[in-house]
Amino acid sequence: MKRVLVGMAVVIFGMVALGLTVAGAEEKGVQIVKTYPEYGKSIPKLNDLVIEIVFDRPMDPATQDEVSMDQRGATDHNGDPIEFDGQYTWANPTTLRFRPEGKLKPDSVYQVTVWSAKAKDGSDLESAPYRLPFSTTGAK
């Protein structure tokens, strides 16, 4: 009888622990697992830059317009941050690419911001907005 009760307790405990693990995994938001340029790094490329943001799960392509890029500390004649237009494409369900138009300035700091993102499973980007700073070197 004691063995049966102990066995049942182990099974119930295991089911509860498994349930908590599965529930915790479902609650975790979308993560960005890789970027190019890498966070805070300098790059020599000023022309034809392609920025890559890799997510940990398949994303909803409708969220691609929630990404922006600007030159830090630079403003236009109205005092607004200088933002870059460009083309967004999905290389695959987890990789968003942004190709900014024009040439980047040497020795400058830029930032890409992912304001929000939603995965196909409905989960949102954890810790949004995600900011990716990088800089350019003096390369021509």
Protein backbone atom coordinates (compact mmCIF):
# COMPACT_ATOMS: atom_id res chain seq x y z
CA MET A 1 0.00 0.00 0.00
CA LYS A 2 2.83 2.41 0.90
CA ARG A 3 4.54 1.64 -2.44
CA VAL A 4 1.35 2.45 -4.33
CA LEU A 5 0.94 5.76 -2.49
CA VAL A 6 4.60 6.69 -2.99
CA GLY A 7 4.37 5.70 -6.65
CA MET A 8 1.24 7.80 -7.13
CA ALA A 9 2.89 10.75 -5.39
CA VAL A 10 5.92 10.51 -7.71
CA VAL A 11 3.67 10.34 -10.79
CA ILE A 12 1.56 13.29 -9.64
CA PHE A 13 4.66 15.34 -8.77
CA GLY A 14 6.15 14.52 -12.19
CA MET A 15 2.98 15.56 -13.98
CA VAL A 16 2.84 18.84 -12.07
CA ALA A 17 6.52 19.57 -12.75
CA LEU A 18 6.09 18.73 -16.44
CA GLY A 19 3.01 20.93 -16.64
CA LEU A 20 4.87 23.86 -15.12
CA THR A 21 7.76 23.42 -17.54
CA VAL A 22 5.46 23.30 -20.57
CA ALA A 23 3.41 26.24 -19.32
CA GLY A 24 6.59 28.26 -18.69
CA ALA A 25 7.84 27.55 -22.20
CA GLU A 26 4.56 28.75 -23.69
CA GLU A 27 4.69 32.00 -21.75
CA LYS A 28 8.20 32.94 -22.92
CA GLY A 29 8.12 35.76 -25.44
CA VAL A 30 9.86 35.92 -28.79
CA GLN A 31 13.64 36.25 -28.50
CA ILE A 32 16.13 37.78 -30.92
CA VAL A 33 18.93 35.22 -31.06
CA LYS A 34 21.35 36.72 -33.59
CA THR A 35 21.94 40.00 -35.40
CA TYR A 36 24.22 41.45 -38.03
CA PRO A 37 25.85 43.72 -37.19
CA GLU A 38 26.40 42.27 -33.75
CA TYR A 39 25.15 44.32 -30.81
CA GLY A 40 27.43 47.33 -30.19
CA LYS A 41 30.03 46.31 -32.80
CA SER A 42 31.72 48.46 -35.44
CA ILE A 43 31.51 47.60 -39.10
CA PRO A 44 33.57 48.93 -42.02
CA LYS A 45 30.79 48.60 -44.59
CA LEU A 46 29.16 51.88 -45.63
CA ASN A 47 27.47 50.78 -48.87
CA ASP A 48 25.09 47.89 -49.54
CA LEU A 49 24.65 47.02 -45.86
CA VAL A 50 22.12 44.31 -45.07
CA ILE A 51 21.02 44.18 -41.45
CA GLU A 52 19.81 40.78 -40.25
CA ILE A 53 17.64 40.07 -37.24
CA VAL A 54 17.11 36.40 -36.39
CA PHE A 55 14.20 35.39 -34.15
CA ASP A 56 13.88 32.17 -32.15
CA ARG A 57 10.68 31.07 -33.93
CA PRO A 58 8.72 31.67 -37.16
CA MET A 59 7.38 35.20 -37.28
CA ASP A 60 4.31 36.90 -38.70
CA PRO A 61 5.57 38.85 -41.75
CA ALA A 62 2.89 41.52 -41.18
CA THR A 63 5.04 42.85 -38.30
CA GLN A 64 7.96 43.85 -40.51
CA ASP A 65 6.94 47.52 -40.59
CA GLU A 66 7.60 47.74 -36.86
CA VAL A 67 11.37 48.13 -37.43
CA SER A 68 13.22 51.42 -37.88
CA MET A 69 16.80 52.61 -38.26
CA ASP A 70 18.25 56.00 -37.38
CA GLN A 71 21.59 57.75 -37.04
CA ARG A 72 22.15 58.46 -33.35
CA GLY A 73 22.70 62.09 -32.43
CA ALA A 74 21.89 63.35 -35.94
CA THR A 75 18.77 65.38 -36.67
CA ASP A 76 17.13 66.87 -39.74
CA HIS A 77 16.25 70.56 -40.18
CA ASN A 78 13.13 70.06 -37.99
CA GLY A 79 15.16 68.53 -35.15
CA ASP A 80 13.79 65.01 -35.78
CA PRO A 81 16.12 61.99 -35.77
CA ILE A 82 17.42 61.06 -39.21
CA GLU A 83 15.69 57.81 -40.13
CA PHE A 84 16.64 55.56 -43.02
CA ASP A 85 14.24 54.28 -45.60
CA GLY A 86 14.97 50.87 -46.98
CA GLN A 87 13.66 47.51 -48.05
CA TYR A 88 12.47 44.82 -45.62
CA THR A 89 12.47 41.19 -46.70
CA TRP A 90 12.11 37.84 -44.95
CA ALA A 91 15.01 35.53 -45.86
CA ASN A 92 13.13 32.71 -44.12
CA PRO A 93 10.40 32.53 -41.43
CA THR A 94 12.85 33.51 -38.66
CA THR A 95 15.19 35.99 -40.41
CA LEU A 96 14.24 39.58 -41.18
CA ARG A 97 16.58 41.57 -43.44
CA PHE A 98 16.66 45.34 -43.82
CA ARG A 99 18.68 47.03 -46.58
CA PRO A 100 18.92 50.77 -45.83
CA GLU A 101 18.90 53.13 -48.79
CA GLY A 102 21.94 55.29 -49.34
CA LYS A 103 25.42 55.31 -47.91
CA LEU A 104 26.12 55.30 -44.19
CA LYS A 105 28.51 57.91 -42.82
CA PRO A 106 31.92 56.84 -41.51
CA ASP A 107 32.64 57.03 -37.78
CA SER A 108 28.94 57.26 -36.92
CA VAL A 109 26.59 55.47 -34.55
CA TYR A 110 23.34 53.94 -35.79
CA GLN A 111 20.49 52.12 -34.13
CA VAL A 112 17.97 49.64 -35.43
CA THR A 113 14.83 49.38 -33.31
CA VAL A 114 12.37 46.51 -33.43
CA TRP A 115 9.33 48.19 -31.90
CA SER A 116 7.21 45.07 -31.79
CA ALA A 117 7.03 41.67 -33.41
CA LYS A 118 4.59 38.84 -33.29
CA ALA A 119 5.31 35.19 -33.95
CA LYS A 120 3.02 32.94 -35.93
CA ASP A 121 2.14 31.25 -32.62
CA GLY A 122 0.79 34.61 -31.39
CA SER A 123 3.55 35.38 -28.88
CA ASP A 124 5.01 38.89 -28.72
CA LEU A 125 8.60 40.10 -28.69
CA GLU A 126 9.93 39.90 -25.15
CA SER A 127 11.34 43.18 -23.79
CA ALA A 128 10.11 45.27 -26.72
CA PRO A 129 11.36 47.52 -28.06
CA TYR A 130 14.64 45.80 -28.93
CA ARG A 131 17.41 48.25 -29.81
CA LEU A 132 20.47 47.23 -31.82
CA PRO A 133 23.23 49.87 -31.72
CA PHE A 134 26.22 49.62 -34.05
CA SER A 135 28.78 51.97 -35.48
CA THR A 136 30.73 52.47 -38.67
CA THR A 137 34.47 52.86 -38.87
CA GLY A 138 36.34 55.41 -40.97
CA ALA A 139 36.33 53.11 -44.02
CA LYS A 140 35.45 54.76 -47.29
